[in-house]
């Protein structure tokens, strides 16, 4: 059965202090960064288009914290979400709360943080390719999160795939499997294994 994914803009994700602390690190990683904003976005997978009263209730549940500040047109988006293919602890609790409030059609709710970077003179599309490898590590934990380039890509959070057969990796191929599978094992961990 096809599901529907709804998007809800949330509150500010970082305090002014948190943004002020992050900005110099971003500028150090790429001098073209001029400013940063961060806000939560919520994504809800539902069985069908919710009724108006259900949608209002869902919006009310997801409205908390300080409201977002302005629009970010022309800024470069880095959307940090839980690692694709996983369900975050936040999601489990938020989904339970929605269902306990009578929203039976909600399959799952997930939350991401949208970082909007104001960049220097050249266009955001051109800059994104060059700055992603330097900036993304400052915004997410590669073990538990992914960085996406658009809100549309967040639908991947709800991609349902059939389980695959168990695979085995020979110890001499552990380095290659680490890179291929994105295991993020350190040299020490590989040596230990």
N, C-alpha and C. Protein backbone atom coordinates (compact mmCIF):
# COMPACT_ATOMS: atom_id res chain seq x y z
N UNK A 1 0.83 -1.17 0.00
CA UNK A 1 0.00 0.00 0.00
C UNK A 1 0.88 1.24 0.00
N UNK A 2 0.61 2.18 -0.89
CA UNK A 2 1.38 3.41 -1.00
C UNK A 2 1.06 4.33 0.17
N UNK A 3 2.08 4.91 0.74
CA UNK A 3 1.90 5.84 1.86
C UNK A 3 2.12 7.27 1.37
N UNK A 4 1.81 8.20 2.24
CA UNK A 4 1.99 9.62 1.97
C UNK A 4 2.99 10.15 2.98
N UNK A 5 3.91 11.01 2.54
CA UNK A 5 4.87 11.63 3.45
C UNK A 5 4.55 13.12 3.53
N UNK A 6 4.25 13.57 4.74
CA UNK A 6 3.94 14.98 4.99
C UNK A 6 5.16 15.65 5.61
N UNK A 7 5.31 16.96 5.36
CA UNK A 7 6.43 17.72 5.92
C UNK A 7 5.89 18.85 6.79
N UNK A 8 6.55 19.07 7.92
CA UNK A 8 6.16 20.14 8.83
C UNK A 8 7.41 20.88 9.28
N UNK A 9 7.44 22.19 9.03
CA UNK A 9 8.56 23.02 9.48
C UNK A 9 8.46 23.16 11.00
N UNK A 10 9.59 23.00 11.67
CA UNK A 10 9.60 23.04 13.12
C UNK A 10 10.30 24.26 13.68
N UNK A 11 10.70 24.14 14.92
CA UNK A 11 11.34 25.22 15.67
C UNK A 11 12.81 25.35 15.32
N UNK A 12 13.42 26.36 15.89
CA UNK A 12 14.87 26.52 15.73
C UNK A 12 15.57 25.33 16.38
N UNK A 13 16.57 24.82 15.72
CA UNK A 13 17.27 23.63 16.22
C UNK A 13 18.44 23.99 17.12
N UNK A 14 19.00 25.18 16.94
CA UNK A 14 20.13 25.61 17.76
C UNK A 14 19.85 26.98 18.35
N UNK A 15 20.38 27.21 19.52
CA UNK A 15 20.27 28.54 20.13
C UNK A 15 21.19 29.51 19.39
N UNK A 16 21.03 30.79 19.67
CA UNK A 16 21.92 31.79 19.08
C UNK A 16 23.37 31.50 19.47
N UNK A 17 23.57 31.07 20.71
CA UNK A 17 24.91 30.71 21.18
C UNK A 17 25.46 29.54 20.38
N UNK A 18 24.63 28.51 20.15
CA UNK A 18 25.06 27.34 19.39
C UNK A 18 25.43 27.69 17.96
N UNK A 19 24.66 28.58 17.34
CA UNK A 19 24.97 29.02 15.97
C UNK A 19 26.25 29.84 15.95
N UNK A 20 26.42 30.71 16.95
CA UNK A 20 27.63 31.54 17.03
C UNK A 20 28.88 30.68 17.23
N UNK A 21 28.72 29.57 17.92
CA UNK A 21 29.85 28.65 18.13
C UNK A 21 30.15 27.84 16.86
N UNK A 22 29.11 27.49 16.10
CA UNK A 22 29.28 26.69 14.89
C UNK A 22 29.85 27.50 13.72
N UNK A 23 29.44 28.75 13.60
CA UNK A 23 29.83 29.56 12.44
C UNK A 23 31.34 29.65 12.21
N UNK A 24 32.17 29.94 13.22
CA UNK A 24 33.62 30.00 12.97
C UNK A 24 34.19 28.66 12.47
N UNK A 25 33.65 27.56 12.97
CA UNK A 25 34.11 26.25 12.51
C UNK A 25 33.77 26.05 11.03
N UNK A 26 32.56 26.47 10.63
CA UNK A 26 32.16 26.37 9.23
C UNK A 26 33.02 27.26 8.35
N UNK A 27 33.31 28.47 8.83
CA UNK A 27 34.16 29.39 8.06
C UNK A 27 35.57 28.85 7.91
N UNK A 28 36.05 28.18 8.96
CA UNK A 28 37.38 27.57 8.89
C UNK A 28 37.39 26.45 7.84
N UNK A 29 36.30 25.68 7.78
CA UNK A 29 36.21 24.59 6.81
C UNK A 29 36.07 25.11 5.39
N UNK A 30 35.35 26.23 5.23
CA UNK A 30 35.19 26.85 3.90
C UNK A 30 34.98 28.34 4.08
N UNK A 31 35.93 29.16 3.62
CA UNK A 31 35.85 30.61 3.82
C UNK A 31 34.64 31.28 3.15
N UNK A 32 33.97 30.58 2.23
CA UNK A 32 32.81 31.16 1.56
C UNK A 32 31.56 31.22 2.41
N UNK A 33 31.57 30.55 3.57
CA UNK A 33 30.40 30.55 4.45
C UNK A 33 30.28 31.91 5.13
N UNK A 34 29.10 32.53 4.99
CA UNK A 34 28.86 33.86 5.57
C UNK A 34 27.90 33.83 6.76
N UNK A 35 27.07 32.80 6.83
CA UNK A 35 26.12 32.70 7.92
C UNK A 35 25.49 31.33 7.96
N UNK A 36 24.81 31.01 9.08
CA UNK A 36 24.18 29.70 9.23
C UNK A 36 22.91 29.85 10.06
N UNK A 37 21.90 29.09 9.70
CA UNK A 37 20.66 28.98 10.48
C UNK A 37 20.34 27.49 10.57
N UNK A 38 19.61 27.10 11.60
CA UNK A 38 19.26 25.68 11.77
C UNK A 38 17.85 25.58 12.34
N UNK A 39 17.06 24.71 11.72
CA UNK A 39 15.71 24.48 12.21
C UNK A 39 15.31 23.03 12.01
N UNK A 40 14.37 22.59 12.85
CA UNK A 40 13.87 21.23 12.73
C UNK A 40 12.86 21.14 11.59
N UNK A 41 12.85 19.99 10.93
CA UNK A 41 11.80 19.62 9.99
C UNK A 41 11.32 18.25 10.42
N UNK A 42 10.00 18.07 10.37
CA UNK A 42 9.39 16.80 10.74
C UNK A 42 8.78 16.17 9.50
N UNK A 43 8.89 14.87 9.42
CA UNK A 43 8.38 14.11 8.28
C UNK A 43 7.50 13.00 8.83
N UNK A 44 6.26 12.96 8.36
CA UNK A 44 5.31 11.97 8.87
C UNK A 44 4.84 11.08 7.72
N UNK A 45 5.02 9.79 7.89
CA UNK A 45 4.50 8.82 6.92
C UNK A 45 3.12 8.39 7.40
N UNK A 46 2.11 8.55 6.53
CA UNK A 46 0.74 8.21 6.89
C UNK A 46 0.16 7.22 5.88
N UNK A 47 -0.88 6.50 6.32
CA UNK A 47 -1.55 5.55 5.43
C UNK A 47 -2.27 6.25 4.29
N UNK A 48 -2.83 7.43 4.58
CA UNK A 48 -3.60 8.19 3.59
C UNK A 48 -3.52 9.67 3.95
N UNK A 49 -4.02 10.51 3.08
CA UNK A 49 -4.07 11.95 3.37
C UNK A 49 -4.93 12.14 4.61
N UNK A 50 -4.38 12.77 5.67
CA UNK A 50 -5.17 12.92 6.90
C UNK A 50 -6.31 13.93 6.72
N UNK A 51 -7.36 13.74 7.51
CA UNK A 51 -8.46 14.70 7.56
C UNK A 51 -7.91 16.02 8.11
N UNK A 52 -8.63 17.13 7.87
CA UNK A 52 -8.16 18.44 8.34
C UNK A 52 -7.91 18.47 9.84
N UNK A 53 -8.82 17.89 10.64
CA UNK A 53 -8.64 17.91 12.09
C UNK A 53 -7.44 17.06 12.51
N UNK A 54 -7.19 15.95 11.80
CA UNK A 54 -6.02 15.11 12.11
C UNK A 54 -4.73 15.86 11.77
N UNK A 55 -4.73 16.56 10.65
CA UNK A 55 -3.54 17.30 10.24
C UNK A 55 -3.26 18.44 11.23
N UNK A 56 -4.31 19.13 11.68
CA UNK A 56 -4.12 20.20 12.68
C UNK A 56 -3.55 19.63 13.98
N UNK A 57 -4.06 18.46 14.40
CA UNK A 57 -3.55 17.83 15.62
C UNK A 57 -2.07 17.47 15.46
N UNK A 58 -1.73 16.91 14.33
CA UNK A 58 -0.33 16.54 14.07
C UNK A 58 0.56 17.79 14.08
N UNK A 59 0.10 18.85 13.44
CA UNK A 59 0.86 20.11 13.45
C UNK A 59 1.05 20.63 14.87
N UNK A 60 0.00 20.54 15.70
CA UNK A 60 0.09 20.99 17.09
C UNK A 60 1.09 20.17 17.88
N UNK A 61 1.09 18.86 17.66
CA UNK A 61 2.05 17.99 18.36
C UNK A 61 3.49 18.33 18.00
N UNK A 62 3.69 18.75 16.76
CA UNK A 62 5.06 19.00 16.28
C UNK A 62 5.47 20.47 16.41
N UNK A 63 4.64 21.28 17.06
CA UNK A 63 4.97 22.69 17.27
C UNK A 63 5.47 22.87 18.70
N UNK A 64 6.75 23.04 18.86
CA UNK A 64 7.39 23.20 20.17
C UNK A 64 8.63 24.05 19.99
N UNK A 65 9.12 24.63 21.05
CA UNK A 65 10.35 25.42 20.98
C UNK A 65 10.13 26.79 20.35
N UNK A 66 11.25 27.47 20.10
CA UNK A 66 11.21 28.82 19.51
C UNK A 66 10.89 28.71 18.03
N UNK A 67 9.95 29.52 17.52
CA UNK A 67 9.60 29.43 16.10
C UNK A 67 10.79 29.73 15.20
N UNK A 68 10.78 29.17 13.98
CA UNK A 68 11.90 29.42 13.06
C UNK A 68 11.98 30.90 12.70
N UNK A 69 13.15 31.30 12.28
CA UNK A 69 13.39 32.71 12.00
C UNK A 69 13.51 32.94 10.50
N UNK A 70 12.48 33.52 9.89
CA UNK A 70 12.53 33.93 8.50
C UNK A 70 12.62 32.80 7.50
N UNK A 71 12.78 33.20 6.25
CA UNK A 71 12.93 32.25 5.15
C UNK A 71 14.40 32.18 4.77
N UNK A 72 14.76 31.12 4.08
CA UNK A 72 16.17 30.91 3.75
C UNK A 72 16.38 30.69 2.25
N UNK A 73 15.61 31.39 1.44
CA UNK A 73 15.75 31.28 -0.01
C UNK A 73 17.16 31.72 -0.40
N UNK A 74 17.76 30.99 -1.31
CA UNK A 74 19.10 31.32 -1.77
C UNK A 74 20.21 30.75 -0.90
N UNK A 75 19.87 30.17 0.24
CA UNK A 75 20.87 29.54 1.09
C UNK A 75 21.05 28.08 0.66
N UNK A 76 22.18 27.53 0.98
CA UNK A 76 22.46 26.14 0.65
C UNK A 76 22.00 25.25 1.81
N UNK A 77 21.17 24.26 1.47
CA UNK A 77 20.57 23.39 2.48
C UNK A 77 21.41 22.13 2.70
N UNK A 78 21.64 21.82 3.97
CA UNK A 78 22.21 20.55 4.39
C UNK A 78 21.20 19.97 5.38
N UNK A 79 20.45 18.96 4.96
CA UNK A 79 19.42 18.36 5.80
C UNK A 79 20.01 17.12 6.48
N UNK A 80 20.15 17.19 7.80
CA UNK A 80 20.72 16.10 8.58
C UNK A 80 19.56 15.28 9.14
N UNK A 81 19.53 14.01 8.78
CA UNK A 81 18.46 13.10 9.20
C UNK A 81 19.08 11.84 9.81
N UNK A 82 18.27 11.08 10.55
CA UNK A 82 18.78 9.79 11.03
C UNK A 82 19.22 8.94 9.84
N UNK A 83 20.18 8.10 10.07
CA UNK A 83 20.72 7.26 9.00
C UNK A 83 19.59 6.54 8.27
N UNK A 84 19.60 6.66 6.94
CA UNK A 84 18.56 6.03 6.13
C UNK A 84 18.54 4.53 6.39
N UNK A 85 17.36 3.98 6.54
CA UNK A 85 17.22 2.56 6.83
C UNK A 85 17.13 2.26 8.32
N UNK A 86 17.21 3.30 9.16
CA UNK A 86 17.09 3.10 10.61
C UNK A 86 15.87 3.85 11.14
N UNK A 87 15.50 3.56 12.35
CA UNK A 87 14.43 4.29 13.04
C UNK A 87 15.04 4.87 14.31
N UNK A 88 14.98 6.19 14.43
CA UNK A 88 15.61 6.84 15.59
C UNK A 88 14.76 6.66 16.84
N UNK A 89 15.38 6.76 18.02
CA UNK A 89 14.62 6.72 19.27
C UNK A 89 13.58 7.84 19.33
N UNK A 90 13.94 9.04 18.81
CA UNK A 90 12.98 10.15 18.78
C UNK A 90 11.75 9.74 17.99
N UNK A 91 11.96 9.08 16.86
CA UNK A 91 10.85 8.64 16.01
C UNK A 91 9.93 7.68 16.74
N UNK A 92 10.50 6.72 17.43
CA UNK A 92 9.69 5.74 18.15
C UNK A 92 8.77 6.41 19.15
N UNK A 93 9.32 7.34 19.94
CA UNK A 93 8.53 8.03 20.96
C UNK A 93 7.49 8.95 20.31
N UNK A 94 7.89 9.74 19.29
CA UNK A 94 6.96 10.66 18.64
C UNK A 94 5.81 9.91 17.96
N UNK A 95 6.11 8.78 17.35
CA UNK A 95 5.07 7.97 16.70
C UNK A 95 4.11 7.41 17.74
N UNK A 96 4.63 6.93 18.86
CA UNK A 96 3.76 6.45 19.95
C UNK A 96 2.84 7.55 20.45
N UNK A 97 3.38 8.75 20.64
CA UNK A 97 2.58 9.87 21.13
C UNK A 97 1.47 10.19 20.13
N UNK A 98 1.80 10.24 18.85
CA UNK A 98 0.78 10.54 17.82
C UNK A 98 -0.34 9.50 17.84
N UNK A 99 0.04 8.25 17.94
CA UNK A 99 -0.98 7.19 17.96
C UNK A 99 -1.83 7.25 19.24
N UNK A 100 -1.19 7.56 20.37
CA UNK A 100 -1.93 7.69 21.63
C UNK A 100 -2.88 8.89 21.60
N UNK A 101 -2.63 9.84 20.72
CA UNK A 101 -3.50 11.00 20.56
C UNK A 101 -4.60 10.74 19.54
N UNK A 102 -4.70 9.51 19.06
CA UNK A 102 -5.77 9.14 18.14
C UNK A 102 -5.41 9.21 16.67
N UNK A 103 -4.16 9.47 16.35
CA UNK A 103 -3.73 9.54 14.95
C UNK A 103 -3.31 8.15 14.47
N UNK A 104 -4.28 7.29 14.27
CA UNK A 104 -4.03 5.88 13.93
C UNK A 104 -3.41 5.71 12.54
N UNK A 105 -3.62 6.67 11.64
CA UNK A 105 -3.08 6.56 10.29
C UNK A 105 -1.61 6.90 10.17
N UNK A 106 -1.00 7.37 11.27
CA UNK A 106 0.42 7.73 11.25
C UNK A 106 1.24 6.45 11.39
N UNK A 107 2.02 6.16 10.37
CA UNK A 107 2.90 4.99 10.42
C UNK A 107 4.17 5.31 11.20
N UNK A 108 4.73 6.51 10.93
CA UNK A 108 6.00 6.88 11.57
C UNK A 108 6.23 8.37 11.40
N UNK A 109 6.86 8.98 12.39
CA UNK A 109 7.28 10.38 12.34
C UNK A 109 8.78 10.39 12.54
N UNK A 110 9.48 11.19 11.76
CA UNK A 110 10.93 11.33 11.90
C UNK A 110 11.25 12.81 11.92
N UNK A 111 12.41 13.15 12.47
CA UNK A 111 12.82 14.55 12.57
C UNK A 111 14.22 14.71 12.00
N UNK A 112 14.43 15.84 11.31
CA UNK A 112 15.74 16.18 10.79
C UNK A 112 16.06 17.62 11.15
N UNK A 113 17.32 18.00 10.98
CA UNK A 113 17.74 19.38 11.19
C UNK A 113 18.19 19.93 9.85
N UNK A 114 17.55 21.03 9.45
CA UNK A 114 17.93 21.71 8.21
C UNK A 114 18.91 22.82 8.56
N UNK A 115 20.13 22.69 8.05
CA UNK A 115 21.13 23.75 8.20
C UNK A 115 21.12 24.54 6.90
N UNK A 116 20.95 25.85 7.01
CA UNK A 116 20.95 26.73 5.86
C UNK A 116 22.22 27.56 5.91
N UNK A 117 23.09 27.39 4.92
CA UNK A 117 24.34 28.13 4.88
C UNK A 117 24.24 29.25 3.86
N UNK A 118 24.55 30.46 4.31
CA UNK A 118 24.67 31.61 3.40
C UNK A 118 26.10 31.58 2.89
N UNK A 119 26.23 31.54 1.57
CA UNK A 119 27.55 31.43 0.96
C UNK A 119 27.91 32.71 0.23
N UNK A 120 29.21 32.84 -0.05
CA UNK A 120 29.73 34.00 -0.75
C UNK A 120 29.22 34.12 -2.18
N UNK A 121 29.96 34.78 -3.01
CA UNK A 121 29.53 35.25 -4.33
C UNK A 121 29.03 34.22 -5.32
N UNK A 122 29.70 33.07 -5.52
CA UNK A 122 29.24 32.15 -6.56
C UNK A 122 27.99 31.41 -6.12
N UNK A 123 27.23 30.90 -7.06
CA UNK A 123 25.93 30.31 -6.81
C UNK A 123 25.96 29.12 -5.88
N UNK A 124 24.88 28.91 -5.12
CA UNK A 124 24.81 27.81 -4.16
C UNK A 124 25.01 26.44 -4.78
N UNK A 125 24.46 26.19 -5.97
CA UNK A 125 24.60 24.87 -6.60
C UNK A 125 26.07 24.57 -6.88
N UNK A 126 26.79 25.58 -7.39
CA UNK A 126 28.21 25.41 -7.70
C UNK A 126 29.01 25.19 -6.41
N UNK A 127 28.70 25.97 -5.39
CA UNK A 127 29.45 25.88 -4.13
C UNK A 127 29.20 24.57 -3.40
N UNK A 128 27.96 24.06 -3.46
CA UNK A 128 27.60 22.88 -2.68
C UNK A 128 28.54 21.70 -2.96
N UNK A 129 28.84 21.48 -4.23
CA UNK A 129 29.71 20.36 -4.60
C UNK A 129 31.09 20.51 -3.95
N UNK A 130 31.58 21.72 -3.91
CA UNK A 130 32.91 21.94 -3.36
C UNK A 130 32.96 21.94 -1.85
N UNK A 131 31.89 22.40 -1.19
CA UNK A 131 31.97 22.53 0.26
C UNK A 131 31.45 21.33 1.03
N UNK A 132 30.65 20.48 0.40
CA UNK A 132 30.05 19.37 1.13
C UNK A 132 31.07 18.52 1.88
N UNK A 133 32.18 18.07 1.25
CA UNK A 133 33.13 17.22 1.99
C UNK A 133 33.76 17.92 3.20
N UNK A 134 33.84 19.24 3.16
CA UNK A 134 34.47 19.96 4.27
C UNK A 134 33.47 20.37 5.35
N UNK A 135 32.23 20.66 4.94
CA UNK A 135 31.23 21.18 5.88
C UNK A 135 30.39 20.08 6.51
N UNK A 136 29.99 19.08 5.74
CA UNK A 136 29.10 18.03 6.24
C UNK A 136 29.61 17.36 7.52
N UNK A 137 30.91 17.06 7.65
CA UNK A 137 31.37 16.42 8.90
C UNK A 137 31.16 17.27 10.15
N UNK A 138 31.04 18.58 9.98
CA UNK A 138 30.80 19.46 11.13
C UNK A 138 29.33 19.48 11.54
N UNK A 139 28.45 18.96 10.66
CA UNK A 139 27.02 19.05 10.90
C UNK A 139 26.37 17.74 11.32
N UNK A 140 27.06 16.63 11.14
CA UNK A 140 26.41 15.35 11.43
C UNK A 140 27.40 14.31 11.96
N UNK A 141 26.84 13.25 12.49
CA UNK A 141 27.60 12.09 12.94
C UNK A 141 27.43 11.02 11.87
N UNK A 142 28.47 10.70 11.14
CA UNK A 142 28.34 9.79 10.00
C UNK A 142 27.97 8.37 10.40
N UNK A 143 28.09 8.03 11.67
CA UNK A 143 27.68 6.69 12.12
C UNK A 143 26.16 6.59 12.24
N UNK A 144 25.51 7.68 12.61
CA UNK A 144 24.07 7.61 12.91
C UNK A 144 23.22 8.52 12.05
N UNK A 145 23.84 9.33 11.19
CA UNK A 145 23.07 10.30 10.41
C UNK A 145 23.54 10.36 8.97
N UNK A 146 22.65 10.88 8.12
CA UNK A 146 22.96 11.17 6.72
C UNK A 146 22.72 12.65 6.47
N UNK A 147 23.42 13.20 5.48
CA UNK A 147 23.20 14.57 5.05
C UNK A 147 22.56 14.52 3.67
N UNK A 148 21.40 15.17 3.53
CA UNK A 148 20.68 15.20 2.27
C UNK A 148 20.72 16.62 1.71
N UNK A 149 20.49 16.74 0.41
CA UNK A 149 20.57 18.04 -0.25
C UNK A 149 19.22 18.74 -0.40
N UNK A 150 18.12 18.04 -0.11
CA UNK A 150 16.81 18.67 -0.26
C UNK A 150 15.80 18.02 0.67
N UNK A 151 14.71 18.72 0.92
CA UNK A 151 13.63 18.18 1.75
C UNK A 151 12.97 16.99 1.06
N UNK A 152 12.93 17.01 -0.27
CA UNK A 152 12.33 15.90 -1.03
C UNK A 152 13.05 14.58 -0.77
N UNK A 153 14.37 14.65 -0.59
CA UNK A 153 15.16 13.44 -0.36
C UNK A 153 14.80 12.76 0.97
N UNK A 154 14.15 13.48 1.87
CA UNK A 154 13.79 12.92 3.18
C UNK A 154 12.78 11.79 3.05
N UNK A 155 12.10 11.69 1.92
CA UNK A 155 11.17 10.57 1.73
C UNK A 155 11.92 9.24 1.79
N UNK A 156 13.22 9.28 1.55
CA UNK A 156 14.05 8.08 1.67
C UNK A 156 14.06 7.50 3.08
N UNK A 157 13.71 8.31 4.08
CA UNK A 157 13.61 7.81 5.45
C UNK A 157 12.57 6.71 5.56
N UNK A 158 11.58 6.73 4.68
CA UNK A 158 10.46 5.80 4.77
C UNK A 158 10.48 4.74 3.66
N UNK A 159 11.61 4.62 3.00
CA UNK A 159 11.72 3.60 1.95
C UNK A 159 11.74 2.23 2.61
N UNK A 160 10.83 1.39 2.16
CA UNK A 160 10.72 0.04 2.72
C UNK A 160 11.37 -0.93 1.74
N UNK A 161 12.36 -1.64 2.20
CA UNK A 161 13.05 -2.61 1.35
C UNK A 161 12.98 -3.98 2.02
N UNK A 162 12.91 -4.98 1.20
CA UNK A 162 12.88 -6.35 1.72
C UNK A 162 14.23 -6.67 2.35
N UNK A 163 14.23 -7.42 3.43
CA UNK A 163 15.50 -7.81 4.05
C UNK A 163 16.37 -8.60 3.06
N UNK A 164 17.66 -8.35 3.12
CA UNK A 164 18.59 -9.07 2.25
C UNK A 164 19.19 -10.24 3.02
N UNK A 165 19.74 -11.15 2.25
CA UNK A 165 20.39 -12.31 2.85
C UNK A 165 21.62 -11.86 3.64
N UNK A 166 21.90 -12.60 4.69
CA UNK A 166 23.08 -12.33 5.50
C UNK A 166 24.33 -12.52 4.65
N UNK A 167 25.24 -11.57 4.74
CA UNK A 167 26.49 -11.67 3.99
C UNK A 167 27.66 -11.85 4.95
N UNK A 168 28.73 -12.34 4.43
CA UNK A 168 29.95 -12.54 5.23
C UNK A 168 31.09 -11.78 4.56
N UNK A 169 31.98 -11.27 5.38
CA UNK A 169 33.14 -10.54 4.90
C UNK A 169 34.37 -11.24 5.46
N UNK A 170 35.25 -11.63 4.57
CA UNK A 170 36.52 -12.23 5.01
C UNK A 170 37.38 -11.14 5.65
N UNK A 171 38.06 -11.46 6.72
CA UNK A 171 38.84 -10.46 7.44
C UNK A 171 39.82 -9.69 6.55
N UNK A 172 40.50 -10.34 5.58
CA UNK A 172 41.40 -9.56 4.73
C UNK A 172 40.67 -8.50 3.89
N UNK A 173 39.36 -8.64 3.67
CA UNK A 173 38.59 -7.66 2.89
C UNK A 173 37.84 -6.66 3.77
N UNK A 174 38.17 -6.61 5.05
CA UNK A 174 37.45 -5.74 5.98
C UNK A 174 37.62 -4.26 5.63
N UNK A 175 38.81 -3.85 5.19
CA UNK A 175 39.03 -2.45 4.79
C UNK A 175 38.09 -2.08 3.64
N UNK A 176 38.02 -2.92 2.63
CA UNK A 176 37.17 -2.66 1.47
C UNK A 176 35.70 -2.65 1.88
N UNK A 177 35.27 -3.59 2.71
CA UNK A 177 33.88 -3.65 3.17
C UNK A 177 33.54 -2.43 4.03
N UNK A 178 34.48 -1.97 4.81
CA UNK A 178 34.28 -0.78 5.63
C UNK A 178 33.93 0.42 4.75
N UNK A 179 34.67 0.61 3.68
CA UNK A 179 34.41 1.72 2.75
C UNK A 179 33.12 1.50 1.98
N UNK A 180 32.92 0.31 1.45
CA UNK A 180 31.76 0.00 0.60
C UNK A 180 30.45 0.08 1.37
N UNK A 181 30.44 -0.40 2.60
CA UNK A 181 29.21 -0.47 3.39
C UNK A 181 29.01 0.74 4.31
N UNK A 182 30.00 1.64 4.36
CA UNK A 182 29.89 2.81 5.22
C UNK A 182 29.86 2.47 6.69
N UNK A 183 30.67 1.49 7.10
CA UNK A 183 30.67 1.04 8.49
C UNK A 183 31.33 2.03 9.44
N UNK A 184 32.20 2.88 8.91
CA UNK A 184 32.90 3.90 9.71
C UNK A 184 33.74 3.28 10.83
N UNK A 185 34.34 2.13 10.56
CA UNK A 185 35.24 1.51 11.53
C UNK A 185 36.58 2.25 11.51
N UNK A 186 37.14 2.49 12.67
CA UNK A 186 38.46 3.12 12.74
C UNK A 186 39.53 2.07 12.47
N UNK A 187 40.76 2.55 12.26
CA UNK A 187 41.89 1.64 12.04
C UNK A 187 42.06 0.70 13.25
N UNK A 188 41.89 1.27 14.46
CA UNK A 188 42.00 0.45 15.68
C UNK A 188 40.95 -0.63 15.72
N UNK A 189 39.71 -0.30 15.35
CA UNK A 189 38.63 -1.28 15.36
C UNK A 189 38.87 -2.39 14.34
N UNK A 190 39.35 -2.00 13.16
CA UNK A 190 39.66 -2.99 12.13
C UNK A 190 40.77 -3.91 12.61
N UNK A 191 41.82 -3.33 13.23
CA UNK A 191 42.90 -4.13 13.78
C UNK A 191 42.43 -5.09 14.85
N UNK A 192 41.53 -4.62 15.70
CA UNK A 192 40.98 -5.46 16.75
C UNK A 192 40.21 -6.65 16.17
N UNK A 193 39.41 -6.37 15.17
CA UNK A 193 38.62 -7.46 14.54
C UNK A 193 39.52 -8.44 13.84
